[in-house]
Amino acid sequence: MAVGTKGPRQFQGLFDVIPFKATVDFASTVDGDEAASDITVAGAEVGDFVLIAPGADIADLGLTAQVTAANVVTAQVWNNTGGTIDPGSQTLT
């Protein structure tokens, strides 16, 4: 590794990590709309960072997540594709 570059775990130890997997089934969304699903994540606190990844292709939908209450992460998809999309059931990590 070159001098001054950081490895893939450069921030390990700086953050407490709460790994989770949850199966969600977002509702079908029309263009310009959104769908959300609450996930129970023990230890999550409002203000925590959330990194989330879909377990399957989300068909050009946007995906985000945030802690909305103690122990609750709300995952949200939004649709700006021009059509209706049903992302189906999948596991979020």
C-alpha atoms as a PDB file:
ATOM      1  CA  MET A   1       0.000   0.000   0.000  1.00  0.00           C
ATOM      2  CA  ALA A   2       1.313   3.443  -0.919  1.00  0.00           C
ATOM      3  CA  VAL A   3       2.284   5.876   1.809  1.00  0.00           C
ATOM      4  CA  GLY A   4      -0.680   7.971   2.937  1.00  0.00           C
ATOM      5  CA  THR A   5      -3.374   5.641   1.612  1.00  0.00           C
ATOM      6  CA  LYS A   6      -5.883   4.037   3.894  1.00  0.00           C
ATOM      7  CA  GLY A   7      -6.970   0.429   3.962  1.00  0.00           C
ATOM      8  CA  PRO A   8     -10.563  -0.809   3.646  1.00  0.00           C
ATOM      9  CA  ARG A   9     -10.983  -0.876   7.427  1.00  0.00           C
ATOM     10  CA  GLN A  10      -9.506   2.551   8.119  1.00  0.00           C
ATOM     11  CA  PHE A  11     -12.439   3.606  10.290  1.00  0.00           C
ATOM     12  CA  GLN A  12     -12.834   0.330  12.174  1.00  0.00           C
ATOM     13  CA  GLY A  13     -12.845   1.099  15.860  1.00  0.00           C
ATOM     14  CA  LEU A  14     -14.140   4.646  15.405  1.00  0.00           C
ATOM     15  CA  PHE A  15     -17.782   3.566  15.210  1.00  0.00           C
ATOM     16  CA  ASP A  16     -19.903   1.052  17.043  1.00  0.00           C
ATOM     17  CA  VAL A  17     -21.397  -1.201  14.398  1.00  0.00           C
ATOM     18  CA  ILE A  18     -24.754  -2.945  14.734  1.00  0.00           C
ATOM     19  CA  PRO A  19     -25.042  -5.337  11.809  1.00  0.00           C
ATOM     20  CA  PHE A  20     -28.559  -6.354  10.826  1.00  0.00           C
ATOM     21  CA  LYS A  21     -30.513  -8.203   8.165  1.00  0.00           C
ATOM     22  CA  ALA A  22     -34.236  -7.755   7.724  1.00  0.00           C
ATOM     23  CA  THR A  23     -36.702  -9.015   5.161  1.00  0.00           C
ATOM     24  CA  VAL A  24     -39.022  -6.293   3.900  1.00  0.00           C
ATOM     25  CA  ASP A  25     -41.673  -6.151   1.204  1.00  0.00           C
ATOM     26  CA  PHE A  26     -41.992  -2.586  -0.031  1.00  0.00           C
ATOM     27  CA  ALA A  27     -45.334  -1.663  -1.559  1.00  0.00           C
ATOM     28  CA  SER A  28     -45.617  -1.026  -5.271  1.00  0.00           C
ATOM     29  CA  THR A  29     -44.759   2.636  -5.928  1.00  0.00           C
ATOM     30  CA  VAL A  30     -45.842   4.914  -8.745  1.00  0.00           C
ATOM     31  CA  ASP A  31     -43.549   7.533 -10.256  1.00  0.00           C
ATOM     32  CA  GLY A  32     -42.871  10.335  -7.777  1.00  0.00           C
ATOM     33  CA  ASP A  33     -43.979   8.268  -4.770  1.00  0.00           C
ATOM     34  CA  GLU A  34     -42.183   6.445  -1.981  1.00  0.00           C
ATOM     35  CA  ALA A  35     -42.643   3.438   0.292  1.00  0.00           C
ATOM     36  CA  ALA A  36     -41.162   2.847   3.741  1.00  0.00           C
ATOM     37  CA  SER A  37     -40.712  -0.045   6.126  1.00  0.00           C
ATOM     38  CA  ASP A  38     -39.701  -0.004   9.797  1.00  0.00           C
ATOM     39  CA  ILE A  39     -37.041  -2.471  10.916  1.00  0.00           C
ATOM     40  CA  THR A  40     -36.300  -3.297  14.559  1.00  0.00           C
ATOM     41  CA  VAL A  41     -32.554  -2.925  15.209  1.00  0.00           C
ATOM     42  CA  ALA A  42     -31.699  -3.360  18.879  1.00  0.00           C
ATOM     43  CA  GLY A  43     -29.325  -0.641  20.066  1.00  0.00           C
ATOM     44  CA  ALA A  44     -29.957   1.816  17.231  1.00  0.00           C
ATOM     45  CA  GLU A  45     -30.315   5.410  18.436  1.00  0.00           C
ATOM     46  CA  VAL A  46     -31.633   8.539  16.747  1.00  0.00           C
ATOM     47  CA  GLY A  47     -28.662  10.319  15.197  1.00  0.00           C
ATOM     48  CA  ASP A  48     -26.776   7.110  14.312  1.00  0.00           C
ATOM     49  CA  PHE A  49     -25.446   6.696  10.781  1.00  0.00           C
ATOM     50  CA  VAL A  50     -27.157   3.987   8.760  1.00  0.00           C
ATOM     51  CA  LEU A  51     -25.596   2.179   5.819  1.00  0.00           C
ATOM     52  CA  ILE A  52     -28.054  -0.063   4.020  1.00  0.00           C
ATOM     53  CA  ALA A  53     -27.815  -2.346   1.014  1.00  0.00           C
ATOM     54  CA  PRO A  54     -30.548  -4.133  -0.937  1.00  0.00           C
ATOM     55  CA  GLY A  55     -30.464  -7.907  -1.231  1.00  0.00           C
ATOM     56  CA  ALA A  56     -31.770  -7.828  -4.798  1.00  0.00           C
ATOM     57  CA  ASP A  57     -32.055  -5.437  -7.726  1.00  0.00           C
ATOM     58  CA  ILE A  58     -34.318  -2.574  -6.676  1.00  0.00           C
ATOM     59  CA  ALA A  59     -35.116  -1.721 -10.296  1.00  0.00           C
ATOM     60  CA  ASP A  60     -33.730   1.843 -10.414  1.00  0.00           C
ATOM     61  CA  LEU A  61     -35.444   2.915  -7.181  1.00  0.00           C
ATOM     62  CA  GLY A  62     -33.534   5.024  -4.669  1.00  0.00           C
ATOM     63  CA  LEU A  63     -32.903   3.474  -1.228  1.00  0.00           C
ATOM     64  CA  THR A  64     -32.117   5.214   2.031  1.00  0.00           C
ATOM     65  CA  ALA A  65     -32.486   4.520   5.738  1.00  0.00           C
ATOM     66  CA  GLN A  66     -32.378   6.420   9.017  1.00  0.00           C
ATOM     67  CA  VAL A  67     -32.963   5.769  12.696  1.00  0.00           C
ATOM     68  CA  THR A  68     -36.398   7.251  13.396  1.00  0.00           C
ATOM     69  CA  ALA A  69     -36.782   6.130  17.030  1.00  0.00           C
ATOM     70  CA  ALA A  70     -34.820   4.102  19.560  1.00  0.00           C
ATOM     71  CA  ASN A  71     -34.297   0.608  18.091  1.00  0.00           C
ATOM     72  CA  VAL A  72     -36.145   1.496  14.846  1.00  0.00           C
ATOM     73  CA  VAL A  73     -34.536   1.949  11.431  1.00  0.00           C
ATOM     74  CA  THR A  74     -36.874   3.148   8.684  1.00  0.00           C
ATOM     75  CA  ALA A  75     -35.855   2.009   5.208  1.00  0.00           C
ATOM     76  CA  GLN A  76     -37.354   3.960   2.332  1.00  0.00           C
ATOM     77  CA  VAL A  77     -37.448   3.539  -1.434  1.00  0.00           C
ATOM     78  CA  TRP A  78     -38.443   6.306  -3.806  1.00  0.00           C
ATOM     79  CA  ASN A  79     -39.453   6.088  -7.425  1.00  0.00           C
ATOM     80  CA  ASN A  80     -38.458   8.645 -10.047  1.00  0.00           C
ATOM     81  CA  THR A  81     -38.418   6.222 -12.967  1.00  0.00           C
ATOM     82  CA  GLY A  82     -41.486   7.400 -14.852  1.00  0.00           C
ATOM     83  CA  GLY A  83     -43.455   4.208 -14.188  1.00  0.00           C
ATOM     84  CA  THR A  84     -44.803   1.989 -11.433  1.00  0.00           C
ATOM     85  CA  ILE A  85     -42.364  -0.446  -9.783  1.00  0.00           C
ATOM     86  CA  ASP A  86     -42.938  -3.198  -7.224  1.00  0.00           C
ATOM     87  CA  PRO A  87     -39.510  -4.112  -5.781  1.00  0.00           C
ATOM     88  CA  GLY A  88     -40.906  -7.238  -4.088  1.00  0.00           C
ATOM     89  CA  SER A  89     -39.749  -8.892  -0.902  1.00  0.00           C
ATOM     90  CA  GLN A  90     -36.028  -8.846  -0.159  1.00  0.00           C
ATOM     91  CA  THR A  91     -33.464  -8.895   2.606  1.00  0.00           C
ATOM     92  CA  LEU A  92     -31.837  -5.577   3.488  1.00  0.00           C
ATOM     93  CA  THR A  93     -28.432  -5.552   5.173  1.00  0.00           C
END
